[in-house]
């Protein structure tokens, strides 16, 4: 079977067009301001975390072009299920304690748990000063329920 470059390119192009029709649920349910924190901390977290960890996601243009849309959708879905600031007040006290501990561990490590996101949006990465402010707030608020 002799397949030419044109044939392979044609089928690849057709496949890329067809995968655009795979539906994804890129929705932001109505968000209420349920996360209680001092205004500077909320501002820092909104800038660095809310795109994946809330219902206030700002979907980039790439979120509408497959296959990048699949990666972005999965990342946001996983982020929302791990930690969702929009549903913070609906969580039990024990759960918010665990979430704060998890946030503290992630920020203290200094790792960007979604390096592709921060590569795409470097302005969203926490500065050392912002990290310090959030760490201080988290440590002060970690009171065992």
N, C-alpha and C. Protein backbone atom coordinates (compact mmCIF):
# COMPACT_ATOMS: atom_id res chain seq x y z
N UNK A 1 0.84 -1.17 0.00
CA UNK A 1 0.00 0.00 0.00
C UNK A 1 0.89 1.23 0.00
N UNK A 2 0.74 2.04 -0.99
CA UNK A 2 1.55 3.22 -1.16
C UNK A 2 0.72 4.46 -0.80
N UNK A 3 1.00 5.04 0.34
CA UNK A 3 0.27 6.24 0.74
C UNK A 3 1.18 7.45 0.55
N UNK A 4 0.63 8.45 -0.04
CA UNK A 4 1.42 9.64 -0.31
C UNK A 4 1.30 10.63 0.84
N UNK A 5 2.20 11.57 0.82
CA UNK A 5 2.19 12.63 1.82
C UNK A 5 0.89 13.42 1.76
N UNK A 6 0.41 13.67 0.55
CA UNK A 6 -0.84 14.42 0.37
C UNK A 6 -2.02 13.68 0.99
N UNK A 7 -2.03 12.39 0.82
CA UNK A 7 -3.11 11.56 1.38
C UNK A 7 -3.10 11.62 2.91
N UNK A 8 -1.92 11.45 3.49
CA UNK A 8 -1.79 11.50 4.95
C UNK A 8 -2.16 12.88 5.48
N UNK A 9 -1.69 13.91 4.80
CA UNK A 9 -2.01 15.28 5.22
C UNK A 9 -3.50 15.55 5.11
N UNK A 10 -4.13 15.06 4.06
CA UNK A 10 -5.56 15.25 3.87
C UNK A 10 -6.38 14.59 4.96
N UNK A 11 -6.04 13.34 5.29
CA UNK A 11 -6.76 12.62 6.34
C UNK A 11 -6.51 13.27 7.71
N UNK A 12 -5.30 13.74 7.94
CA UNK A 12 -4.98 14.42 9.20
C UNK A 12 -5.80 15.70 9.34
N UNK A 13 -5.88 16.46 8.27
CA UNK A 13 -6.66 17.69 8.28
C UNK A 13 -8.14 17.40 8.52
N UNK A 14 -8.66 16.37 7.87
CA UNK A 14 -10.06 15.98 8.07
C UNK A 14 -10.30 15.58 9.53
N UNK A 15 -9.39 14.81 10.08
CA UNK A 15 -9.52 14.40 11.49
C UNK A 15 -9.49 15.62 12.41
N UNK A 16 -8.59 16.55 12.18
CA UNK A 16 -8.52 17.76 13.00
C UNK A 16 -9.81 18.58 12.91
N UNK A 17 -10.42 18.61 11.76
CA UNK A 17 -11.69 19.32 11.61
C UNK A 17 -12.80 18.59 12.37
N UNK A 18 -12.84 17.27 12.23
CA UNK A 18 -13.90 16.50 12.89
C UNK A 18 -13.82 16.55 14.41
N UNK A 19 -12.61 16.55 14.97
CA UNK A 19 -12.50 16.55 16.44
C UNK A 19 -12.95 17.87 17.05
N UNK A 20 -13.13 18.89 16.24
CA UNK A 20 -13.64 20.17 16.76
C UNK A 20 -15.09 20.03 17.23
N UNK A 21 -15.77 19.00 16.76
CA UNK A 21 -17.18 18.82 17.09
C UNK A 21 -17.41 17.98 18.34
N UNK A 22 -16.34 17.53 18.99
CA UNK A 22 -16.49 16.79 20.24
C UNK A 22 -16.89 17.80 21.32
N UNK A 23 -18.09 17.62 21.90
CA UNK A 23 -18.57 18.63 22.86
C UNK A 23 -17.87 18.53 24.21
N UNK A 24 -17.59 19.68 24.79
CA UNK A 24 -17.04 19.78 26.13
C UNK A 24 -17.91 20.73 26.92
N UNK A 25 -17.96 20.55 28.22
CA UNK A 25 -18.79 21.41 29.07
C UNK A 25 -17.94 22.53 29.65
N UNK A 26 -17.60 23.49 28.84
CA UNK A 26 -16.82 24.64 29.30
C UNK A 26 -17.78 25.68 29.88
N UNK A 27 -18.31 25.36 31.02
CA UNK A 27 -19.28 26.28 31.63
C UNK A 27 -18.76 26.78 32.96
N UNK A 28 -19.27 27.91 33.33
CA UNK A 28 -19.01 28.47 34.65
C UNK A 28 -20.36 28.60 35.34
N UNK A 29 -20.70 27.66 36.24
CA UNK A 29 -21.96 27.81 36.96
C UNK A 29 -21.97 29.14 37.71
N UNK A 30 -23.15 29.62 38.07
CA UNK A 30 -23.21 30.89 38.81
C UNK A 30 -22.32 30.83 40.05
N UNK A 31 -21.51 31.85 40.21
CA UNK A 31 -20.57 31.88 41.33
C UNK A 31 -21.05 32.88 42.37
N UNK A 32 -20.95 32.44 43.61
CA UNK A 32 -21.21 33.36 44.72
C UNK A 32 -19.90 33.56 45.45
N UNK A 33 -19.74 34.67 46.06
CA UNK A 33 -18.50 34.96 46.79
C UNK A 33 -18.55 34.25 48.14
N UNK A 34 -18.15 32.97 48.15
CA UNK A 34 -18.24 32.20 49.38
C UNK A 34 -16.91 32.03 50.09
N UNK A 35 -15.83 32.41 49.44
CA UNK A 35 -14.51 32.25 50.05
C UNK A 35 -14.19 33.48 50.88
N UNK A 36 -14.07 33.27 52.18
CA UNK A 36 -13.81 34.37 53.10
C UNK A 36 -12.31 34.45 53.40
N UNK A 37 -11.74 35.56 53.03
CA UNK A 37 -10.32 35.82 53.29
C UNK A 37 -10.13 37.32 53.22
N UNK A 38 -9.04 37.82 53.79
CA UNK A 38 -8.76 39.26 53.65
C UNK A 38 -8.64 39.62 52.16
N UNK A 39 -9.02 40.83 51.83
CA UNK A 39 -9.04 41.28 50.43
C UNK A 39 -7.71 41.07 49.70
N UNK A 40 -6.55 41.38 50.30
CA UNK A 40 -5.29 41.14 49.56
C UNK A 40 -5.06 39.66 49.24
N UNK A 41 -5.44 38.79 50.16
CA UNK A 41 -5.28 37.34 49.94
C UNK A 41 -6.23 36.88 48.83
N UNK A 42 -7.47 37.34 48.87
CA UNK A 42 -8.43 36.98 47.83
C UNK A 42 -7.95 37.45 46.46
N UNK A 43 -7.39 38.65 46.40
CA UNK A 43 -6.89 39.19 45.13
C UNK A 43 -5.75 38.31 44.60
N UNK A 44 -4.83 37.93 45.48
CA UNK A 44 -3.70 37.07 45.08
C UNK A 44 -4.21 35.73 44.56
N UNK A 45 -5.12 35.11 45.32
CA UNK A 45 -5.62 33.80 44.93
C UNK A 45 -6.47 33.87 43.65
N UNK A 46 -7.24 34.95 43.49
CA UNK A 46 -8.02 35.10 42.25
C UNK A 46 -7.10 35.16 41.04
N UNK A 47 -6.02 35.89 41.16
CA UNK A 47 -5.08 36.02 40.04
C UNK A 47 -4.37 34.70 39.75
N UNK A 48 -3.96 33.99 40.79
CA UNK A 48 -3.12 32.81 40.60
C UNK A 48 -3.90 31.49 40.50
N UNK A 49 -5.08 31.41 41.11
CA UNK A 49 -5.71 30.10 41.27
C UNK A 49 -7.11 29.96 40.69
N UNK A 50 -7.83 31.04 40.56
CA UNK A 50 -9.26 30.94 40.24
C UNK A 50 -9.56 30.40 38.85
N UNK A 51 -8.63 30.48 37.90
CA UNK A 51 -8.91 29.95 36.57
C UNK A 51 -9.14 28.44 36.60
N UNK A 52 -8.52 27.75 37.51
CA UNK A 52 -8.71 26.30 37.61
C UNK A 52 -9.48 25.88 38.86
N UNK A 53 -9.50 26.72 39.87
CA UNK A 53 -10.08 26.33 41.16
C UNK A 53 -11.30 27.14 41.55
N UNK A 54 -12.14 27.48 40.58
CA UNK A 54 -13.39 28.19 40.88
C UNK A 54 -14.31 28.11 39.68
N UNK A 55 -15.50 28.67 39.84
CA UNK A 55 -16.43 28.78 38.72
C UNK A 55 -16.26 30.12 38.01
N UNK A 56 -15.14 30.78 38.24
CA UNK A 56 -14.84 32.05 37.60
C UNK A 56 -13.71 31.88 36.58
N UNK A 57 -13.68 30.74 35.94
CA UNK A 57 -12.64 30.43 34.96
C UNK A 57 -12.72 31.38 33.77
N UNK A 58 -11.58 31.93 33.41
CA UNK A 58 -11.47 32.73 32.19
C UNK A 58 -10.92 31.78 31.12
N UNK A 59 -11.83 31.26 30.30
CA UNK A 59 -11.44 30.28 29.30
C UNK A 59 -10.64 30.96 28.18
N UNK A 60 -9.41 30.51 27.93
CA UNK A 60 -8.62 31.10 26.84
C UNK A 60 -9.16 30.63 25.49
N UNK A 61 -8.75 31.29 24.43
CA UNK A 61 -9.20 30.92 23.09
C UNK A 61 -8.83 29.48 22.75
N UNK A 62 -7.71 29.02 23.27
CA UNK A 62 -7.28 27.64 23.00
C UNK A 62 -8.25 26.62 23.59
N UNK A 63 -9.08 27.03 24.55
CA UNK A 63 -10.04 26.11 25.16
C UNK A 63 -11.18 25.77 24.21
N UNK A 64 -11.19 26.37 23.04
CA UNK A 64 -12.23 26.10 22.05
C UNK A 64 -11.68 25.41 20.81
N UNK A 65 -10.40 25.03 20.85
CA UNK A 65 -9.78 24.37 19.70
C UNK A 65 -9.21 23.03 20.15
N UNK A 66 -9.78 21.94 19.64
CA UNK A 66 -9.30 20.61 19.99
C UNK A 66 -7.97 20.37 19.27
N UNK A 67 -7.08 19.63 19.83
CA UNK A 67 -7.13 18.87 21.06
C UNK A 67 -6.68 19.66 22.31
N UNK A 68 -6.23 20.91 22.13
CA UNK A 68 -5.83 21.71 23.30
C UNK A 68 -7.00 21.88 24.26
N UNK A 69 -8.21 21.99 23.73
CA UNK A 69 -9.39 22.18 24.57
C UNK A 69 -9.58 21.01 25.52
N UNK A 70 -9.22 19.82 25.09
CA UNK A 70 -9.37 18.65 25.95
C UNK A 70 -8.45 18.75 27.16
N UNK A 71 -7.21 19.16 26.91
CA UNK A 71 -6.23 19.29 28.00
C UNK A 71 -6.69 20.37 28.98
N UNK A 72 -7.11 21.50 28.46
CA UNK A 72 -7.53 22.61 29.31
C UNK A 72 -8.77 22.23 30.11
N UNK A 73 -9.73 21.60 29.46
CA UNK A 73 -10.95 21.18 30.14
C UNK A 73 -10.65 20.20 31.27
N UNK A 74 -9.79 19.21 30.99
CA UNK A 74 -9.42 18.23 32.02
C UNK A 74 -8.71 18.88 33.19
N UNK A 75 -7.82 19.82 32.90
CA UNK A 75 -7.08 20.51 33.95
C UNK A 75 -8.02 21.31 34.84
N UNK A 76 -8.95 22.04 34.25
CA UNK A 76 -9.90 22.83 35.03
C UNK A 76 -10.83 21.91 35.83
N UNK A 77 -11.30 20.85 35.22
CA UNK A 77 -12.18 19.91 35.93
C UNK A 77 -11.47 19.29 37.12
N UNK A 78 -10.23 18.88 36.93
CA UNK A 78 -9.46 18.29 38.03
C UNK A 78 -9.20 19.32 39.11
N UNK A 79 -8.89 20.54 38.71
CA UNK A 79 -8.66 21.61 39.68
C UNK A 79 -9.88 21.91 40.51
N UNK A 80 -11.04 21.98 39.84
CA UNK A 80 -12.29 22.26 40.56
C UNK A 80 -12.65 21.14 41.52
N UNK A 81 -12.38 19.90 41.14
CA UNK A 81 -12.74 18.81 42.04
C UNK A 81 -11.77 18.70 43.22
N UNK A 82 -10.53 19.12 43.03
CA UNK A 82 -9.57 19.09 44.13
C UNK A 82 -9.78 20.24 45.11
N UNK A 83 -10.05 21.43 44.57
CA UNK A 83 -10.22 22.63 45.39
C UNK A 83 -11.05 23.61 44.60
N UNK A 84 -12.19 24.00 45.16
CA UNK A 84 -13.06 24.95 44.47
C UNK A 84 -13.40 26.08 45.43
N UNK A 85 -12.81 27.25 45.19
CA UNK A 85 -13.05 28.39 46.06
C UNK A 85 -14.51 28.84 46.04
N UNK A 86 -15.21 28.59 44.93
CA UNK A 86 -16.60 28.99 44.82
C UNK A 86 -17.48 28.18 45.77
N UNK A 87 -17.10 26.95 46.04
CA UNK A 87 -17.90 26.10 46.92
C UNK A 87 -17.27 25.96 48.31
N UNK A 88 -16.37 26.84 48.64
CA UNK A 88 -15.62 26.76 49.89
C UNK A 88 -16.52 26.70 51.12
N UNK A 89 -17.51 27.57 51.18
CA UNK A 89 -18.39 27.63 52.36
C UNK A 89 -19.31 26.43 52.46
N UNK A 90 -19.51 25.70 51.37
CA UNK A 90 -20.36 24.51 51.41
C UNK A 90 -19.62 23.31 52.00
N UNK A 91 -18.31 23.41 52.10
CA UNK A 91 -17.51 22.30 52.63
C UNK A 91 -17.61 22.27 54.15
N UNK A 92 -17.48 21.07 54.71
CA UNK A 92 -17.47 20.92 56.17
C UNK A 92 -16.19 21.51 56.73
N UNK A 93 -16.20 21.85 58.01
CA UNK A 93 -15.02 22.44 58.65
C UNK A 93 -13.78 21.57 58.50
N UNK A 94 -13.97 20.24 58.64
CA UNK A 94 -12.81 19.34 58.52
C UNK A 94 -12.24 19.42 57.10
N UNK A 95 -13.13 19.53 56.13
CA UNK A 95 -12.70 19.59 54.72
C UNK A 95 -11.93 20.89 54.45
N UNK A 96 -12.42 22.04 54.96
CA UNK A 96 -11.71 23.30 54.72
C UNK A 96 -10.34 23.27 55.40
N UNK A 97 -10.25 22.60 56.56
CA UNK A 97 -8.95 22.45 57.22
C UNK A 97 -8.00 21.67 56.32
N UNK A 98 -8.49 20.56 55.75
CA UNK A 98 -7.66 19.75 54.85
C UNK A 98 -7.25 20.54 53.60
N UNK A 99 -8.19 21.33 53.07
CA UNK A 99 -7.89 22.13 51.90
C UNK A 99 -6.82 23.17 52.21
N UNK A 100 -6.92 23.80 53.36
CA UNK A 100 -5.90 24.79 53.76
C UNK A 100 -4.54 24.13 53.92
N UNK A 101 -4.52 22.94 54.53
CA UNK A 101 -3.26 22.21 54.68
C UNK A 101 -2.66 21.87 53.32
N UNK A 102 -3.51 21.43 52.41
CA UNK A 102 -3.05 21.09 51.06
C UNK A 102 -2.52 22.32 50.33
N UNK A 103 -3.24 23.43 50.44
CA UNK A 103 -2.78 24.68 49.82
C UNK A 103 -1.43 25.08 50.40
N UNK A 104 -1.31 25.00 51.71
CA UNK A 104 -0.07 25.39 52.38
C UNK A 104 1.09 24.53 51.88
N UNK A 105 0.87 23.21 51.81
CA UNK A 105 1.93 22.31 51.34
C UNK A 105 2.34 22.63 49.90
N UNK A 106 1.37 22.89 49.06
CA UNK A 106 1.67 23.19 47.65
C UNK A 106 2.45 24.49 47.52
N UNK A 107 2.01 25.51 48.24
CA UNK A 107 2.68 26.82 48.12
C UNK A 107 4.06 26.80 48.78
N UNK A 108 4.17 26.10 49.92
CA UNK A 108 5.48 26.04 50.60
C UNK A 108 6.52 25.31 49.76
N UNK A 109 6.09 24.29 49.00
CA UNK A 109 7.03 23.58 48.14
C UNK A 109 7.60 24.50 47.08
N UNK A 110 6.83 25.53 46.75
CA UNK A 110 7.28 26.46 45.72
C UNK A 110 7.12 25.89 44.33
N UNK A 111 6.42 24.77 44.24
CA UNK A 111 6.23 24.18 42.92
C UNK A 111 4.97 24.75 42.30
N UNK A 112 5.03 24.91 41.03
CA UNK A 112 3.84 25.31 40.29
C UNK A 112 3.19 24.02 39.82
N UNK A 113 2.13 23.63 40.48
CA UNK A 113 1.54 22.32 40.22
C UNK A 113 0.95 22.20 38.82
N UNK A 114 0.80 23.30 38.10
CA UNK A 114 0.37 23.25 36.70
C UNK A 114 1.36 24.07 35.87
N UNK A 115 2.53 23.53 35.60
CA UNK A 115 3.56 24.31 34.89
C UNK A 115 3.11 24.82 33.53
N UNK A 116 2.28 24.06 32.81
CA UNK A 116 1.81 24.55 31.50
C UNK A 116 0.98 25.82 31.64
N UNK A 117 0.15 25.88 32.68
CA UNK A 117 -0.67 27.07 32.90
C UNK A 117 0.21 28.28 33.15
N UNK A 118 1.21 28.12 34.00
CA UNK A 118 2.08 29.24 34.34
C UNK A 118 3.03 29.60 33.20
N UNK A 119 3.29 28.65 32.33
CA UNK A 119 4.05 28.94 31.12
C UNK A 119 3.19 29.78 30.17
N UNK A 120 1.90 29.43 30.10
CA UNK A 120 0.95 30.15 29.26
C UNK A 120 0.63 31.52 29.82
N UNK A 121 0.51 31.60 31.16
CA UNK A 121 0.17 32.87 31.83
C UNK A 121 1.16 33.14 32.96
N UNK A 122 2.37 33.58 32.64
CA UNK A 122 3.37 33.80 33.68
C UNK A 122 2.96 34.86 34.70
N UNK A 123 2.08 35.76 34.33
CA UNK A 123 1.64 36.79 35.28
C UNK A 123 0.80 36.22 36.42
N UNK A 124 0.33 34.99 36.26
CA UNK A 124 -0.48 34.36 37.30
C UNK A 124 0.37 33.65 38.37
N UNK A 125 1.64 33.47 38.11
CA UNK A 125 2.50 32.79 39.08
C UNK A 125 2.66 33.67 40.33
N UNK A 126 2.68 33.02 41.47
CA UNK A 126 2.86 33.75 42.73
C UNK A 126 4.28 34.27 42.84
N UNK A 127 4.41 35.53 43.22
CA UNK A 127 5.73 36.08 43.50
C UNK A 127 6.14 35.60 44.89
N UNK A 128 7.42 35.69 45.24
CA UNK A 128 7.83 35.30 46.59
C UNK A 128 7.07 36.08 47.68
N UNK A 129 6.82 37.34 47.42
CA UNK A 129 6.08 38.16 48.40
C UNK A 129 4.63 37.67 48.55
N UNK A 130 3.99 37.38 47.41
CA UNK A 130 2.61 36.88 47.45
C UNK A 130 2.56 35.51 48.13
N UNK A 131 3.52 34.64 47.80
CA UNK A 131 3.57 33.33 48.45
C UNK A 131 3.70 33.49 49.95
N UNK A 132 4.57 34.38 50.38
CA UNK A 132 4.75 34.61 51.82
C UNK A 132 3.48 35.10 52.49
N UNK A 133 2.76 35.99 51.83
CA UNK A 133 1.51 36.52 52.40
C UNK A 133 0.48 35.41 52.53
N UNK A 134 0.34 34.58 51.51
CA UNK A 134 -0.65 33.49 51.55
C UNK A 134 -0.24 32.46 52.60
N UNK A 135 1.04 32.12 52.66
CA UNK A 135 1.52 31.16 53.66
C UNK A 135 1.25 31.67 55.06
N UNK A 136 1.54 32.93 55.32
CA UNK A 136 1.29 33.51 56.64
C UNK A 136 -0.19 33.44 56.98
N UNK A 137 -1.05 33.79 56.02
CA UNK A 137 -2.50 33.75 56.26
C UNK A 137 -2.96 32.32 56.51
N UNK A 138 -2.47 31.36 55.71
CA UNK A 138 -2.87 29.97 55.89
C UNK A 138 -2.44 29.43 57.25
N UNK A 139 -1.22 29.71 57.65
CA UNK A 139 -0.74 29.23 58.95
C UNK A 139 -1.56 29.82 60.08
N UNK A 140 -1.91 31.09 59.96
CA UNK A 140 -2.72 31.73 60.99
C UNK A 140 -4.14 31.18 61.04
N UNK A 141 -4.63 30.70 59.92
CA UNK A 141 -6.01 30.22 59.87
C UNK A 141 -6.15 28.72 60.07
N UNK A 142 -5.02 28.03 60.25
CA UNK A 142 -5.10 26.58 60.46
C UNK A 142 -5.36 26.26 61.93
N UNK A 143 -6.60 26.42 62.27
CA UNK A 143 -7.04 26.09 63.63
C UNK A 143 -7.85 24.82 63.51
N UNK A 144 -7.42 23.78 64.19
CA UNK A 144 -8.07 22.47 64.10
C UNK A 144 -9.54 22.61 64.52
N UNK A 145 -10.47 22.07 63.68
CA UNK A 145 -11.89 22.16 64.02
C UNK A 145 -12.24 21.30 65.22
